[in-house]
Amino acid sequence: RTDSNFGDAVVNFELTNKLIQNKFSTLQKNLIPVVNGFTGSDENGDTTSLGRSGSDYTATIIGAALKVDLVEIWTDVDGVLSADPKIVDDAQTLDELSYEEANNLALLGGKVIHPKTIVPAEKQNVPISILNSLRPEGRGTYIGKNGFTNGDGIRTITYLQGLSRVDVNELESRHAQNIFLRLFSLISRLGIPIITINKSATHQSISFITHAEVAHYFYGEIKREFSLDEENGYIGNISRSNNLALISAIGCKPEYNSSITKKIYDTLEEKNIEPVMFFNDPSALNISFIVSQSEVKNTIAVLHEEFFQNKLNINVA
C-alpha cells in the first residue's frame, strides 16, 4: 500500500506489513508464492509503481515483513564488484558489504542494487545475497550488518555520469542568508533532485550538482528567481557547467578518510587528472569528487589499480 506518487510511490510500511503477513499466513506450507514486482496500490485502490528496480524492492519489502532468513536477488553479474567490469576487466567480486556500504553504493551510481531495496531489509536485519543467474554456483555478495573487511582501504569505486553544476557566485554577505533560504525553497518547490551541494566558508558562493536533464530547467528557474538580485549586485553571476561525473570511493573507515583522500589526490595528480570539486564528509563511508565526464574511465582505472591490484616493490642496485 503506497501513496499516489505513481512513478516513485512511497510505501506505507505499517499497513503494508500487516497486509503481507495476513496474506501469507493463509497460504499452505507447500506452496511457493510467485509475486510480481514494481507495483502497489494507493488508498483508492489505483495501481502505483515503485519505480526503477522496483522488483528487488518488492522482494525486500515482503522479506522484511515476514522476517525471512534471507532475500536473494538474482541478476546478471557475480554480485557487487570493486568497479564497473565494462571499465575494469579484472574487477573483483566483493564477498560482503554492510547495509550502509550497500546503500552508499546504490545512492552513488551502483547499478546492481537500488537504495530503497536496502531500507526494509536493514530495518528488520534481513540479509540480502546478490547472485548471478547465469552462474548460479558463484558465491555472490552477502549484504548484512558486517562490513569493513577490507582493512584501511576502500570496498568499491562507482560513478554517476551525465551531471551538471549550477553555481551562484559572489553573494553579497548581507543578503546571503536570504538568498540561501530562497534557493532551497525553490529546489523544494521544483522537486529538483540534488546530488550534492558545496558552499564556500565565506558565504560567497554555493554550487549544486544535479542531473544534466534537469539542469537547464533548474538554471533557468534560478535566473528568473534572482534576476533582480543580479541587477542590484546582491549576486555576482549565476553560471552552469556541463559534462561532469561524480566518482566515489566507498567503504572507507571514517578514521582512515584523511589518508585515503590524500592517496586519491596524489594518484590523480600523478596521472594528470584534475578533479573539479572534492567532497569529504569525515563521518561518511565514501569519498566523492567531481571530474570531467571525459575522464571517468581513466579515473576509475587508475584508482582501481592503486587500491585493488597487488604491487611488487623492486629495488635495483
Protein backbone atom coordinates (compact mmCIF):
# COMPACT_ATOMS: atom_id res chain seq x y z
CA ARG A 1 0.00 0.00 0.00
CA THR A 2 1.52 3.31 -1.12
CA ASP A 3 0.81 6.96 -1.65
CA SER A 4 -0.33 8.22 -5.07
CA ASN A 5 3.08 9.20 -6.48
CA PHE A 6 2.67 6.80 -9.40
CA GLY A 7 6.24 6.83 -10.77
CA ASP A 8 8.04 6.66 -7.43
CA ALA A 9 5.46 5.59 -4.85
CA VAL A 10 6.23 5.79 -1.13
CA VAL A 11 5.31 2.66 0.81
CA ASN A 12 3.11 2.77 3.91
CA PHE A 13 5.08 0.09 5.75
CA GLU A 14 2.83 -0.19 8.80
CA LEU A 15 -0.19 -1.11 6.68
CA THR A 16 1.79 -2.99 4.02
CA ASN A 17 3.45 -5.27 6.57
CA LYS A 18 0.08 -6.21 8.08
CA LEU A 19 -1.40 -6.95 4.63
CA ILE A 20 1.58 -9.11 3.64
CA GLN A 21 1.57 -11.03 6.93
CA ASN A 22 -2.18 -11.65 6.68
CA LYS A 23 -1.93 -12.81 3.07
CA PHE A 24 0.98 -15.19 3.60
CA SER A 25 -0.47 -16.63 6.82
CA THR A 26 -3.34 -18.12 4.78
CA LEU A 27 -1.10 -19.98 2.31
CA GLN A 28 -0.41 -23.70 2.52
CA LYS A 29 3.10 -24.66 3.60
CA ASN A 30 3.96 -26.49 0.37
CA LEU A 31 3.06 -23.59 -1.94
CA ILE A 32 5.64 -21.26 -3.48
CA PRO A 33 4.09 -17.81 -4.00
CA VAL A 34 5.10 -16.01 -7.20
CA VAL A 35 4.62 -12.26 -6.82
CA ASN A 36 5.02 -9.53 -9.44
CA GLY A 37 7.34 -6.64 -8.65
CA PHE A 38 7.18 -2.86 -9.20
CA THR A 39 3.54 -2.26 -8.29
CA GLY A 40 1.42 -1.35 -5.30
CA SER A 41 -1.86 0.48 -4.84
CA ASP A 42 -2.94 3.69 -3.14
CA GLU A 43 -5.80 4.18 -0.68
CA ASN A 44 -8.25 4.42 -3.59
CA GLY A 45 -7.15 1.05 -4.98
CA ASP A 46 -5.42 2.61 -8.00
CA THR A 47 -2.27 0.81 -9.17
CA THR A 48 1.01 2.60 -8.41
CA SER A 49 4.61 1.95 -9.45
CA LEU A 50 7.61 1.73 -7.12
CA GLY A 51 9.99 2.91 -9.87
CA ARG A 52 13.32 1.59 -11.16
CA SER A 53 14.49 -1.68 -9.55
CA GLY A 54 11.05 -1.98 -8.03
CA SER A 55 11.10 -5.77 -8.29
CA ASP A 56 14.13 -6.02 -5.96
CA TYR A 57 12.44 -3.51 -3.68
CA THR A 58 9.27 -5.63 -3.66
CA ALA A 59 11.34 -8.65 -2.63
CA THR A 60 12.88 -6.92 0.40
CA ILE A 61 9.52 -5.38 1.39
CA ILE A 62 7.97 -8.86 1.51
CA GLY A 63 11.06 -10.45 3.06
CA ALA A 64 11.26 -7.83 5.80
CA ALA A 65 7.53 -8.05 6.57
CA LEU A 66 7.84 -11.82 7.00
CA LYS A 67 11.26 -11.57 8.74
CA VAL A 68 12.72 -14.23 6.45
CA ASP A 69 16.20 -15.73 6.81
CA LEU A 70 17.49 -14.34 3.51
CA VAL A 71 16.43 -12.36 0.42
CA GLU A 72 18.17 -13.47 -2.78
CA ILE A 73 18.41 -11.04 -5.71
CA TRP A 74 19.33 -12.77 -8.96
CA THR A 75 20.94 -10.57 -11.58
CA ASP A 76 23.43 -10.89 -14.48
CA VAL A 77 26.69 -10.24 -12.61
CA ASP A 78 28.54 -12.21 -9.94
CA GLY A 79 27.48 -9.84 -7.18
CA VAL A 80 28.75 -6.40 -6.22
CA LEU A 81 32.08 -5.71 -7.92
CA SER A 82 35.00 -3.48 -6.99
CA ALA A 83 34.37 -1.42 -10.15
CA ASP A 84 32.32 -1.44 -13.34
CA PRO A 85 33.55 -4.50 -15.30
CA LYS A 86 32.99 -2.57 -18.53
CA ILE A 87 35.80 -0.26 -17.41
CA VAL A 88 37.98 -2.57 -15.30
CA ASP A 89 38.45 -6.05 -16.78
CA ASP A 90 39.71 -7.59 -13.54
CA ALA A 91 37.12 -6.08 -11.20
CA GLN A 92 36.79 -8.24 -8.07
CA THR A 93 33.59 -9.65 -6.58
CA LEU A 94 33.08 -8.48 -3.01
CA ASP A 95 32.25 -11.25 -0.55
CA GLU A 96 30.22 -8.99 1.72
CA LEU A 97 29.02 -5.45 2.33
CA SER A 98 27.34 -3.78 5.25
CA TYR A 99 23.88 -2.33 4.76
CA GLU A 100 25.34 1.18 4.95
CA GLU A 101 28.06 0.42 2.41
CA ALA A 102 25.49 -1.06 0.02
CA ASN A 103 23.26 1.96 0.49
CA ASN A 104 26.15 4.32 -0.27
CA LEU A 105 26.96 2.30 -3.39
CA ALA A 106 23.39 2.39 -4.64
CA LEU A 107 22.95 6.12 -3.99
CA LEU A 108 26.21 6.99 -5.73
CA GLY A 109 25.75 5.13 -9.00
CA GLY A 110 25.92 1.37 -8.38
CA LYS A 111 23.62 -0.35 -10.87
CA VAL A 112 23.26 -3.72 -9.10
CA ILE A 113 21.01 -2.52 -6.28
CA HIS A 114 18.69 0.41 -5.65
CA PRO A 115 18.95 2.28 -2.33
CA LYS A 116 15.29 1.64 -1.50
CA THR A 117 15.99 -2.10 -1.70
CA ILE A 118 18.25 -1.90 1.36
CA VAL A 119 15.94 0.07 3.68
CA PRO A 120 13.27 -2.51 4.66
CA ALA A 121 15.84 -5.31 4.92
CA GLU A 122 18.10 -3.26 7.20
CA LYS A 123 15.21 -2.29 9.50
CA GLN A 124 14.41 -5.95 10.16
CA ASN A 125 18.04 -7.14 9.91
CA VAL A 126 17.19 -9.41 6.97
CA PRO A 127 20.36 -10.18 4.96
CA ILE A 128 20.48 -9.97 1.15
CA SER A 129 22.52 -12.02 -1.32
CA ILE A 130 23.28 -10.67 -4.80
CA LEU A 131 23.71 -13.68 -7.12
CA ASN A 132 24.31 -14.34 -10.82
CA SER A 133 21.52 -16.22 -12.62
CA LEU A 134 23.99 -17.05 -15.43
CA ARG A 135 26.45 -18.59 -12.94
CA PRO A 136 24.36 -19.87 -10.03
CA GLU A 137 27.29 -21.72 -8.46
CA GLY A 138 29.01 -18.42 -7.64
CA ARG A 139 29.15 -17.13 -4.05
CA GLY A 140 27.82 -13.68 -4.90
CA THR A 141 27.84 -10.81 -2.40
CA TYR A 142 26.29 -11.01 1.05
CA ILE A 143 24.79 -7.79 2.46
CA GLY A 144 24.21 -7.62 6.19
CA LYS A 145 25.41 -6.00 9.39
CA ASN A 146 29.07 -6.77 8.79
CA GLY A 147 31.43 -4.64 6.75
CA PHE A 148 34.82 -3.03 6.79
CA THR A 149 36.55 -6.30 5.98
CA ASN A 150 38.97 -4.55 3.63
CA GLY A 151 41.24 -3.11 6.31
CA ASP A 152 42.05 0.56 5.84
CA GLY A 153 41.27 0.58 2.12
CA ILE A 154 38.08 1.00 0.11
CA ARG A 155 35.49 -1.54 -0.98
CA THR A 156 34.38 -0.36 -4.41
CA ILE A 157 34.61 2.56 -6.84
CA THR A 158 31.48 3.79 -8.56
CA TYR A 159 30.35 6.76 -10.64
CA LEU A 160 27.40 8.88 -11.73
CA GLN A 161 27.58 10.33 -15.24
CA GLY A 162 25.52 12.97 -17.02
CA LEU A 163 25.76 15.63 -14.34
CA SER A 164 25.83 19.42 -14.40
CA ARG A 165 26.82 22.06 -11.86
CA VAL A 166 24.84 25.24 -11.22
CA ASP A 167 26.80 27.94 -9.36
CA VAL A 168 25.50 31.03 -7.59
CA ASN A 169 28.62 33.19 -7.21
CA GLU A 170 29.81 36.30 -5.39
CA LEU A 171 26.95 36.60 -2.93
CA GLU A 172 26.72 39.93 -1.12
CA SER A 173 27.26 38.93 2.52
CA ARG A 174 24.36 40.95 3.95
CA HIS A 175 21.89 39.15 1.66
CA ALA A 176 23.47 35.66 1.64
CA GLN A 177 21.17 34.04 4.22
CA ASN A 178 18.05 35.31 2.48
CA ILE A 179 19.34 34.05 -0.86
CA PHE A 180 20.11 30.61 0.62
CA LEU A 181 16.59 30.39 2.04
CA ARG A 182 15.03 31.27 -1.33
CA LEU A 183 17.34 28.87 -3.17
CA PHE A 184 16.34 25.86 -1.07
CA SER A 185 12.68 26.85 -1.19
CA LEU A 186 12.95 26.96 -5.00
CA ILE A 187 14.57 23.50 -5.09
CA SER A 188 11.81 22.10 -2.87
CA ARG A 189 9.07 23.72 -4.95
CA LEU A 190 10.50 22.45 -8.24
CA GLY A 191 11.36 18.98 -6.90
CA ILE A 192 14.89 19.17 -8.31
CA PRO A 193 16.98 16.06 -7.42
CA ILE A 194 20.21 17.47 -5.98
CA ILE A 195 23.15 15.03 -5.97
CA THR A 196 25.38 17.14 -3.72
CA ILE A 197 25.94 20.72 -2.57
CA ASN A 198 29.14 22.68 -1.95
CA LYS A 199 29.24 26.06 -0.18
CA SER A 200 32.21 28.32 0.42
CA ALA A 201 33.09 29.07 4.05
CA THR A 202 32.70 32.80 3.43
CA HIS A 203 29.14 32.55 2.02
CA GLN A 204 30.40 33.94 -1.30
CA SER A 205 29.26 31.05 -3.48
CA ILE A 206 27.17 27.88 -3.49
CA SER A 207 27.20 25.05 -6.04
CA PHE A 208 24.57 22.41 -6.81
CA ILE A 209 25.30 19.16 -8.66
CA THR A 210 22.27 17.69 -10.40
CA HIS A 211 21.37 15.55 -13.39
CA ALA A 212 22.00 17.16 -16.77
CA GLU A 213 18.43 16.54 -17.97
CA VAL A 214 17.04 18.87 -15.29
CA ALA A 215 19.99 21.29 -15.02
CA HIS A 216 18.88 23.52 -17.91
CA TYR A 217 15.42 23.93 -16.38
CA PHE A 218 16.90 24.43 -12.89
CA TYR A 219 19.36 27.03 -14.17
CA GLY A 220 16.60 28.94 -15.98
CA GLU A 221 14.38 28.99 -12.90
CA ILE A 222 17.22 30.27 -10.70
CA LYS A 223 17.98 33.01 -13.23
CA ARG A 224 14.34 34.09 -13.20
CA GLU A 225 14.03 33.93 -9.40
CA PHE A 226 17.16 36.02 -8.80
CA SER A 227 17.12 38.37 -11.80
CA LEU A 228 16.59 41.46 -9.61
CA ASP A 229 19.25 40.30 -7.16
CA GLU A 230 21.74 40.12 -10.03
CA GLU A 231 20.73 43.58 -11.23
CA ASN A 232 21.13 45.03 -7.71
CA GLY A 233 24.55 43.40 -7.23
CA TYR A 234 23.45 41.02 -4.45
CA ILE A 235 24.66 38.16 -6.70
CA GLY A 236 27.71 38.47 -8.93
CA ASN A 237 26.65 35.87 -11.50
CA ILE A 238 24.85 32.57 -11.94
CA SER A 239 26.60 30.01 -14.13
CA ARG A 240 26.32 26.41 -15.28
CA SER A 241 28.91 23.72 -16.14
CA ASN A 242 28.02 20.57 -18.08
CA ASN A 243 29.55 17.15 -18.88
CA LEU A 244 30.54 16.27 -15.33
CA ALA A 245 30.65 12.99 -13.39
CA LEU A 246 30.79 12.06 -9.70
CA ILE A 247 33.36 9.44 -8.75
CA SER A 248 33.00 7.80 -5.32
CA ALA A 249 35.30 5.55 -3.32
CA ILE A 250 33.01 3.60 -0.98
CA GLY A 251 33.62 1.69 2.23
CA CYS A 252 36.28 3.86 3.85
CA LYS A 253 36.52 3.65 7.61
CA PRO A 254 35.96 7.21 8.88
CA GLU A 255 39.24 7.14 10.82
CA TYR A 256 41.16 6.47 7.59
CA ASN A 257 39.35 9.08 5.45
CA SER A 258 42.13 11.68 5.51
CA SER A 259 44.85 9.23 4.44
CA ILE A 260 42.67 7.72 1.71
CA THR A 261 41.72 11.19 0.44
CA LYS A 262 45.43 12.06 0.22
CA LYS A 263 46.15 8.81 -1.61
CA ILE A 264 43.35 9.51 -4.10
CA TYR A 265 44.51 13.09 -4.61
CA ASP A 266 48.14 12.03 -5.11
CA THR A 267 47.09 9.34 -7.63
CA LEU A 268 45.03 11.81 -9.63
CA GLU A 269 47.85 14.35 -9.61
CA GLU A 270 50.36 11.74 -10.74
CA LYS A 271 48.09 10.77 -13.66
CA ASN A 272 47.33 14.42 -14.57
CA ILE A 273 43.63 14.09 -13.76
CA GLU A 274 42.21 17.32 -12.39
CA PRO A 275 39.22 16.96 -10.04
CA VAL A 276 36.71 19.79 -10.40
CA MET A 277 35.49 19.57 -6.81
CA PHE A 278 36.16 17.31 -3.79
CA PHE A 279 33.61 16.26 -1.16
CA ASN A 280 34.85 14.72 2.09
CA ASP A 281 32.46 14.03 4.94
CA PRO A 282 34.63 12.66 7.79
CA SER A 283 31.71 10.61 9.17
CA ALA A 284 30.65 9.14 5.82
CA LEU A 285 31.61 5.82 4.25
CA ASN A 286 32.54 7.43 0.95
CA ILE A 287 34.94 9.95 -0.54
CA SER A 288 33.49 11.61 -3.63
CA PHE A 289 34.73 14.12 -6.18
CA ILE A 290 33.70 15.64 -9.49
CA VAL A 291 35.67 15.16 -12.72
CA SER A 292 35.04 15.94 -16.35
CA GLN A 293 32.93 13.18 -17.90
CA SER A 294 35.70 12.50 -20.43
CA GLU A 295 37.97 11.44 -17.52
CA VAL A 296 35.62 8.84 -15.97
CA LYS A 297 37.13 5.66 -17.42
CA ASN A 298 40.72 6.77 -16.86
CA THR A 299 39.99 7.88 -13.28
CA ILE A 300 38.30 4.63 -12.28
CA ALA A 301 41.03 2.55 -13.93
CA VAL A 302 43.93 4.29 -12.15
CA LEU A 303 42.20 4.31 -8.76
CA HIS A 304 41.28 0.64 -9.05
CA GLU A 305 44.88 -0.18 -9.90
CA GLU A 306 46.09 1.85 -6.91
CA PHE A 307 43.71 0.35 -4.35
CA PHE A 308 42.96 -3.18 -5.55
CA GLN A 309 45.90 -4.58 -7.50
CA ASN A 310 48.82 -6.20 -5.74
CA LYS A 311 52.06 -4.32 -6.25
CA LEU A 312 55.65 -5.52 -6.07
CA ASN A 313 58.32 -3.06 -4.98
CA ILE A 314 61.64 -3.76 -6.73
CA ASN A 315 64.93 -2.23 -5.62
CA VAL A 316 67.53 -2.10 -8.38
CA ALA A 317 71.19 -1.58 -7.43
